[in-house]
Amino acid sequence: MEGWTLIHSDSVPFGAEVYRTRLEAAGIKVVVLNKQDSSYGMFGSVEVYVPNEDLQRSKEVLSVSEDGETSA
């Protein structure tokens, strides 16, 4: 995907949705790409992409926990 950067990959769709929700709440556009096998659902990953120009801001948003603490 030209112009987009992978920021998170998860084997559980819910995990990717948590990232999507946090990024969208900060006003960052997000694309979630589900690469899991549709027959079994346990093979593959769910990937979260952000525009290249929002990569640094996305990392900053994700580094702050829900209680306002910055993760190490």
PDB file of N, CA and C in Angstrom:
ATOM      1  N   MET A   1       0.841  -1.169   0.000  1.00  0.00           N
ATOM      2  CA  MET A   1       0.000   0.000   0.000  1.00  0.00           C
ATOM      3  C   MET A   1       0.897   1.247   0.000  1.00  0.00           C
ATOM      4  N   GLU A   2       0.992   1.864  -1.117  1.00  0.00           N
ATOM      5  CA  GLU A   2       1.845   3.031  -1.253  1.00  0.00           C
ATOM      6  C   GLU A   2       1.294   4.206  -0.452  1.00  0.00           C
ATOM      7  N   GLY A   3       2.185   4.836   0.307  1.00  0.00           N
ATOM      8  CA  GLY A   3       1.790   5.989   1.100  1.00  0.00           C
ATOM      9  C   GLY A   3       1.306   5.641   2.502  1.00  0.00           C
ATOM     10  N   TRP A   4       1.284   4.348   2.836  1.00  0.00           N
ATOM     11  CA  TRP A   4       0.824   3.895   4.151  1.00  0.00           C
ATOM     12  C   TRP A   4       1.903   3.052   4.803  1.00  0.00           C
ATOM     13  N   THR A   5       1.967   3.086   6.135  1.00  0.00           N
ATOM     14  CA  THR A   5       2.964   2.338   6.890  1.00  0.00           C
ATOM     15  C   THR A   5       2.271   1.441   7.917  1.00  0.00           C
ATOM     16  N   LEU A   6       2.751   0.215   8.011  1.00  0.00           N
ATOM     17  CA  LEU A   6       2.247  -0.727   9.013  1.00  0.00           C
ATOM     18  C   LEU A   6       2.690  -0.259  10.391  1.00  0.00           C
ATOM     19  N   ILE A   7       1.736  -0.069  11.282  1.00  0.00           N
ATOM     20  CA  ILE A   7       2.060   0.380  12.645  1.00  0.00           C
ATOM     21  C   ILE A   7       1.822  -0.716  13.670  1.00  0.00           C
ATOM     22  N   HIS A   8       0.965  -1.689  13.325  1.00  0.00           N
ATOM     23  CA  HIS A   8       0.663  -2.767  14.269  1.00  0.00           C
ATOM     24  C   HIS A   8       0.134  -3.976  13.514  1.00  0.00           C
ATOM     25  N   SER A   9       0.525  -5.151  13.986  1.00  0.00           N
ATOM     26  CA  SER A   9       0.020  -6.410  13.438  1.00  0.00           C
ATOM     27  C   SER A   9      -0.391  -7.285  14.614  1.00  0.00           C
ATOM     28  N   ASP A  10      -1.538  -7.935  14.484  1.00  0.00           N
ATOM     29  CA  ASP A  10      -2.069  -8.729  15.591  1.00  0.00           C
ATOM     30  C   ASP A  10      -2.708  -9.994  15.051  1.00  0.00           C
ATOM     31  N   SER A  11      -2.681 -11.042  15.819  1.00  0.00           N
ATOM     32  CA  SER A  11      -3.326 -12.286  15.412  1.00  0.00           C
ATOM     33  C   SER A  11      -4.796 -12.314  15.833  1.00  0.00           C
ATOM     34  N   VAL A  12      -5.193 -11.324  16.640  1.00  0.00           N
ATOM     35  CA  VAL A  12      -6.564 -11.240  17.130  1.00  0.00           C
ATOM     36  C   VAL A  12      -7.199  -9.953  16.594  1.00  0.00           C
ATOM     37  N   PRO A  13      -8.314 -10.049  15.857  1.00  0.00           N
ATOM     38  CA  PRO A  13      -8.940  -8.838  15.312  1.00  0.00           C
ATOM     39  C   PRO A  13      -9.250  -7.776  16.362  1.00  0.00           C
ATOM     40  N   PHE A  14      -9.649  -8.195  17.562  1.00  0.00           N
ATOM     41  CA  PHE A  14      -9.968  -7.236  18.616  1.00  0.00           C
ATOM     42  C   PHE A  14      -8.757  -6.374  18.967  1.00  0.00           C
ATOM     43  N   GLY A  15      -7.578  -6.983  18.997  1.00  0.00           N
ATOM     44  CA  GLY A  15      -6.358  -6.230  19.309  1.00  0.00           C
ATOM     45  C   GLY A  15      -6.105  -5.122  18.302  1.00  0.00           C
ATOM     46  N   ALA A  16      -6.316  -5.412  17.028  1.00  0.00           N
ATOM     47  CA  ALA A  16      -6.140  -4.405  15.985  1.00  0.00           C
ATOM     48  C   ALA A  16      -7.188  -3.305  16.114  1.00  0.00           C
ATOM     49  N   GLU A  17      -8.390  -3.664  16.510  1.00  0.00           N
ATOM     50  CA  GLU A  17      -9.457  -2.674  16.667  1.00  0.00           C
ATOM     51  C   GLU A  17      -9.168  -1.699  17.805  1.00  0.00           C
ATOM     52  N   VAL A  18      -8.496  -2.158  18.840  1.00  0.00           N
ATOM     53  CA  VAL A  18      -8.112  -1.262  19.940  1.00  0.00           C
ATOM     54  C   VAL A  18      -7.170  -0.184  19.408  1.00  0.00           C
ATOM     55  N   TYR A  19      -6.196  -0.603  18.594  1.00  0.00           N
ATOM     56  CA  TYR A  19      -5.266   0.353  18.004  1.00  0.00           C
ATOM     57  C   TYR A  19      -6.007   1.306  17.074  1.00  0.00           C
ATOM     58  N   ARG A  20      -6.890   0.773  16.238  1.00  0.00           N
ATOM     59  CA  ARG A  20      -7.662   1.603  15.309  1.00  0.00           C
ATOM     60  C   ARG A  20      -8.450   2.670  16.069  1.00  0.00           C
ATOM     61  N   THR A  21      -9.120   2.262  17.139  1.00  0.00           N
ATOM     62  CA  THR A  21      -9.939   3.182  17.925  1.00  0.00           C
ATOM     63  C   THR A  21      -9.096   4.302  18.530  1.00  0.00           C
ATOM     64  N   ARG A  22      -7.949   3.960  19.087  1.00  0.00           N
ATOM     65  CA  ARG A  22      -7.082   4.976  19.707  1.00  0.00           C
ATOM     66  C   ARG A  22      -6.559   5.964  18.673  1.00  0.00           C
ATOM     67  N   LEU A  23      -6.172   5.462  17.505  1.00  0.00           N
ATOM     68  CA  LEU A  23      -5.636   6.337  16.467  1.00  0.00           C
ATOM     69  C   LEU A  23      -6.726   7.240  15.884  1.00  0.00           C
ATOM     70  N   GLU A  24      -7.892   6.667  15.616  1.00  0.00           N
ATOM     71  CA  GLU A  24      -8.989   7.474  15.074  1.00  0.00           C
ATOM     72  C   GLU A  24      -9.452   8.528  16.072  1.00  0.00           C
ATOM     73  N   ALA A  25      -9.414   8.215  17.361  1.00  0.00           N
ATOM     74  CA  ALA A  25      -9.788   9.190  18.387  1.00  0.00           C
ATOM     75  C   ALA A  25      -8.836  10.382  18.385  1.00  0.00           C
ATOM     76  N   ALA A  26      -7.600  10.159  17.918  1.00  0.00           N
ATOM     77  CA  ALA A  26      -6.616  11.236  17.827  1.00  0.00           C
ATOM     78  C   ALA A  26      -6.689  11.940  16.476  1.00  0.00           C
ATOM     79  N   GLY A  27      -7.650  11.545  15.638  1.00  0.00           N
ATOM     80  CA  GLY A  27      -7.826  12.198  14.349  1.00  0.00           C
ATOM     81  C   GLY A  27      -6.927  11.679  13.246  1.00  0.00           C
ATOM     82  N   ILE A  28      -6.392  10.486  13.423  1.00  0.00           N
ATOM     83  CA  ILE A  28      -5.488   9.889  12.438  1.00  0.00           C
ATOM     84  C   ILE A  28      -6.270   8.887  11.592  1.00  0.00           C
ATOM     85  N   LYS A  29      -6.118   8.979  10.281  1.00  0.00           N
ATOM     86  CA  LYS A  29      -6.766   8.031   9.383  1.00  0.00           C
ATOM     87  C   LYS A  29      -6.113   6.663   9.559  1.00  0.00           C
ATOM     88  N   VAL A  30      -6.918   5.610   9.476  1.00  0.00           N
ATOM     89  CA  VAL A  30      -6.438   4.246   9.711  1.00  0.00           C
ATOM     90  C   VAL A  30      -7.062   3.307   8.681  1.00  0.00           C
ATOM     91  N   VAL A  31      -6.261   2.347   8.226  1.00  0.00           N
ATOM     92  CA  VAL A  31      -6.767   1.252   7.403  1.00  0.00           C
ATOM     93  C   VAL A  31      -6.432  -0.041   8.131  1.00  0.00           C
ATOM     94  N   VAL A  32      -7.451  -0.877   8.340  1.00  0.00           N
ATOM     95  CA  VAL A  32      -7.247  -2.184   8.964  1.00  0.00           C
ATOM     96  C   VAL A  32      -7.397  -3.228   7.867  1.00  0.00           C
ATOM     97  N   LEU A  33      -6.365  -4.038   7.699  1.00  0.00           N
ATOM     98  CA  LEU A  33      -6.342  -5.054   6.662  1.00  0.00           C
ATOM     99  C   LEU A  33      -6.324  -6.433   7.321  1.00  0.00           C
ATOM    100  N   ASN A  34      -7.419  -7.170   7.156  1.00  0.00           N
ATOM    101  CA  ASN A  34      -7.533  -8.495   7.758  1.00  0.00           C
ATOM    102  C   ASN A  34      -7.007  -9.529   6.780  1.00  0.00           C
ATOM    103  N   LYS A  35      -5.876 -10.136   7.105  1.00  0.00           N
ATOM    104  CA  LYS A  35      -5.248 -11.143   6.253  1.00  0.00           C
ATOM    105  C   LYS A  35      -5.457 -12.552   6.795  1.00  0.00           C
ATOM    106  N   GLN A  36      -6.423 -12.698   7.687  1.00  0.00           N
ATOM    107  CA  GLN A  36      -6.683 -14.009   8.259  1.00  0.00           C
ATOM    108  C   GLN A  36      -7.446 -14.875   7.268  1.00  0.00           C
ATOM    109  N   ASP A  37      -7.188 -16.160   7.337  1.00  0.00           N
ATOM    110  CA  ASP A  37      -7.885 -17.132   6.503  1.00  0.00           C
ATOM    111  C   ASP A  37      -9.362 -17.127   6.868  1.00  0.00           C
ATOM    112  N   SER A  38     -10.222 -16.972   5.882  1.00  0.00           N
ATOM    113  CA  SER A  38     -11.652 -16.864   6.167  1.00  0.00           C
ATOM    114  C   SER A  38     -12.277 -18.185   6.606  1.00  0.00           C
ATOM    115  N   SER A  39     -11.643 -19.302   6.295  1.00  0.00           N
ATOM    116  CA  SER A  39     -12.196 -20.602   6.668  1.00  0.00           C
ATOM    117  C   SER A  39     -11.908 -20.962   8.121  1.00  0.00           C
ATOM    118  N   TYR A  40     -10.728 -20.602   8.590  1.00  0.00           N
ATOM    119  CA  TYR A  40     -10.323 -21.027   9.924  1.00  0.00           C
ATOM    120  C   TYR A  40     -10.173 -19.867  10.909  1.00  0.00           C
ATOM    121  N   GLY A  41      -9.784 -18.691  10.429  1.00  0.00           N
ATOM    122  CA  GLY A  41      -9.671 -17.519  11.293  1.00  0.00           C
ATOM    123  C   GLY A  41      -8.508 -17.513  12.250  1.00  0.00           C
ATOM    124  N   MET A  42      -7.722 -18.570  12.282  1.00  0.00           N
ATOM    125  CA  MET A  42      -6.590 -18.606  13.211  1.00  0.00           C
ATOM    126  C   MET A  42      -5.254 -18.449  12.509  1.00  0.00           C
ATOM    127  N   PHE A  43      -5.270 -18.432  11.199  1.00  0.00           N
ATOM    128  CA  PHE A  43      -4.038 -18.282  10.433  1.00  0.00           C
ATOM    129  C   PHE A  43      -4.012 -16.894   9.803  1.00  0.00           C
ATOM    130  N   GLY A  44      -2.898 -16.213   9.935  1.00  0.00           N
ATOM    131  CA  GLY A  44      -2.764 -14.885   9.361  1.00  0.00           C
ATOM    132  C   GLY A  44      -2.841 -13.800  10.419  1.00  0.00           C
ATOM    133  N   SER A  45      -2.813 -12.574   9.949  1.00  0.00           N
ATOM    134  CA  SER A  45      -2.790 -11.453  10.880  1.00  0.00           C
ATOM    135  C   SER A  45      -3.773 -10.375  10.448  1.00  0.00           C
ATOM    136  N   VAL A  46      -4.014  -9.470  11.381  1.00  0.00           N
ATOM    137  CA  VAL A  46      -4.810  -8.283  11.112  1.00  0.00           C
ATOM    138  C   VAL A  46      -3.843  -7.112  11.269  1.00  0.00           C
ATOM    139  N   GLU A  47      -3.693  -6.318  10.205  1.00  0.00           N
ATOM    140  CA  GLU A  47      -2.689  -5.259  10.188  1.00  0.00           C
ATOM    141  C   GLU A  47      -3.339  -3.878  10.229  1.00  0.00           C
ATOM    142  N   VAL A  48      -2.685  -2.966  10.933  1.00  0.00           N
ATOM    143  CA  VAL A  48      -3.162  -1.596  11.068  1.00  0.00           C
ATOM    144  C   VAL A  48      -2.150  -0.675  10.373  1.00  0.00           C
ATOM    145  N   TYR A  49      -2.638   0.104   9.410  1.00  0.00           N
ATOM    146  CA  TYR A  49      -1.796   1.017   8.642  1.00  0.00           C
ATOM    147  C   TYR A  49      -2.211   2.454   8.890  1.00  0.00           C
ATOM    148  N   VAL A  50      -1.225   3.350   8.860  1.00  0.00           N
ATOM    149  CA  VAL A  50      -1.474   4.786   8.959  1.00  0.00           C
ATOM    150  C   VAL A  50      -0.753   5.474   7.794  1.00  0.00           C
ATOM    151  N   PRO A  51      -1.213   6.668   7.396  1.00  0.00           N
ATOM    152  CA  PRO A  51      -0.507   7.402   6.339  1.00  0.00           C
ATOM    153  C   PRO A  51       0.932   7.705   6.771  1.00  0.00           C
ATOM    154  N   ASN A  52       1.851   7.658   5.816  1.00  0.00           N
ATOM    155  CA  ASN A  52       3.265   7.909   6.127  1.00  0.00           C
ATOM    156  C   ASN A  52       3.473   9.210   6.893  1.00  0.00           C
ATOM    157  N   GLU A  53       2.725  10.247   6.529  1.00  0.00           N
ATOM    158  CA  GLU A  53       2.922  11.546   7.168  1.00  0.00           C
ATOM    159  C   GLU A  53       2.430  11.572   8.620  1.00  0.00           C
ATOM    160  N   ASP A  54       1.645  10.588   9.022  1.00  0.00           N
ATOM    161  CA  ASP A  54       1.141  10.517  10.403  1.00  0.00           C
ATOM    162  C   ASP A  54       1.860   9.473  11.250  1.00  0.00           C
ATOM    163  N   LEU A  55       2.922   8.887  10.722  1.00  0.00           N
ATOM    164  CA  LEU A  55       3.598   7.789  11.431  1.00  0.00           C
ATOM    165  C   LEU A  55       4.130   8.230  12.794  1.00  0.00           C
ATOM    166  N   GLN A  56       4.874   9.326  12.841  1.00  0.00           N
ATOM    167  CA  GLN A  56       5.461   9.764  14.108  1.00  0.00           C
ATOM    168  C   GLN A  56       4.379  10.109  15.126  1.00  0.00           C
ATOM    169  N   ARG A  57       3.358  10.824  14.688  1.00  0.00           N
ATOM    170  CA  ARG A  57       2.258  11.187  15.597  1.00  0.00           C
ATOM    171  C   ARG A  57       1.545   9.938  16.094  1.00  0.00           C
ATOM    172  N   SER A  58       1.385   8.940  15.224  1.00  0.00           N
ATOM    173  CA  SER A  58       0.740   7.681  15.609  1.00  0.00           C
ATOM    174  C   SER A  58       1.533   6.973  16.692  1.00  0.00           C
ATOM    175  N   LYS A  59       2.842   6.956  16.542  1.00  0.00           N
ATOM    176  CA  LYS A  59       3.694   6.323  17.556  1.00  0.00           C
ATOM    177  C   LYS A  59       3.558   7.034  18.893  1.00  0.00           C
ATOM    178  N   GLU A  60       3.461   8.356  18.841  1.00  0.00           N
ATOM    179  CA  GLU A  60       3.299   9.129  20.078  1.00  0.00           C
ATOM    180  C   GLU A  60       1.963   8.831  20.741  1.00  0.00           C
ATOM    181  N   VAL A  61       0.892   8.752  19.941  1.00  0.00           N
ATOM    182  CA  VAL A  61      -0.442   8.444  20.468  1.00  0.00           C
ATOM    183  C   VAL A  61      -0.441   7.068  21.125  1.00  0.00           C
ATOM    184  N   LEU A  62       0.182   6.094  20.472  1.00  0.00           N
ATOM    185  CA  LEU A  62       0.179   4.727  20.978  1.00  0.00           C
ATOM    186  C   LEU A  62       1.127   4.531  22.156  1.00  0.00           C
ATOM    187  N   SER A  63       2.093   5.424  22.327  1.00  0.00           N
ATOM    188  CA  SER A  63       3.037   5.279  23.441  1.00  0.00           C
ATOM    189  C   SER A  63       2.458   5.789  24.754  1.00  0.00           C
ATOM    190  N   VAL A  64       1.345   6.517  24.689  1.00  0.00           N
ATOM    191  CA  VAL A  64       0.702   7.026  25.894  1.00  0.00           C
ATOM    192  C   VAL A  64      -0.408   6.058  26.279  1.00  0.00           C
ATOM    193  N   SER A  65      -0.347   5.547  27.506  1.00  0.00           N
ATOM    194  CA  SER A  65      -1.361   4.608  27.980  1.00  0.00           C
ATOM    195  C   SER A  65      -2.673   5.340  28.248  1.00  0.00           C
ATOM    196  N   GLU A  66      -3.726   4.595  28.482  1.00  0.00           N
ATOM    197  CA  GLU A  66      -5.036   5.196  28.707  1.00  0.00           C
ATOM    198  C   GLU A  66      -5.099   6.047  29.957  1.00  0.00           C
ATOM    199  N   ASP A  67      -4.199   5.822  30.926  1.00  0.00           N
ATOM    200  CA  ASP A  67      -4.200   6.648  32.131  1.00  0.00           C
ATOM    201  C   ASP A  67      -3.277   7.852  32.006  1.00  0.00           C
ATOM    202  N   GLY A  68      -2.754   8.089  30.781  1.00  0.00           N
ATOM    203  CA  GLY A  68      -1.950   9.265  30.538  1.00  0.00           C
ATOM    204  C   GLY A  68      -0.460   9.080  30.744  1.00  0.00           C
ATOM    205  N   GLU A  69      -0.049   7.885  31.145  1.00  0.00           N
ATOM    206  CA  GLU A  69       1.370   7.599  31.361  1.00  0.00           C
ATOM    207  C   GLU A  69       2.051   7.250  30.039  1.00  0.00           C
ATOM    208  N   THR A  70       3.272   7.734  29.850  1.00  0.00           N
ATOM    209  CA  THR A  70       4.055   7.402  28.667  1.00  0.00           C
ATOM    210  C   THR A  70       4.755   6.079  28.912  1.00  0.00           C
ATOM    211  N   SER A  71       4.601   5.150  27.933  1.00  0.00           N
ATOM    212  CA  SER A  71       5.275   3.851  28.105  1.00  0.00           C
ATOM    213  C   SER A  71       6.741   3.978  27.765  1.00  0.00           C
ATOM    214  N   ALA A  72       7.543   3.133  28.375  1.00  0.00           N
ATOM    215  CA  ALA A  72       8.998   3.181  28.179  1.00  0.00           C
ATOM    216  C   ALA A  72       9.403   2.537  26.897  1.00  0.00           C
TER     217      ALA A  72
END
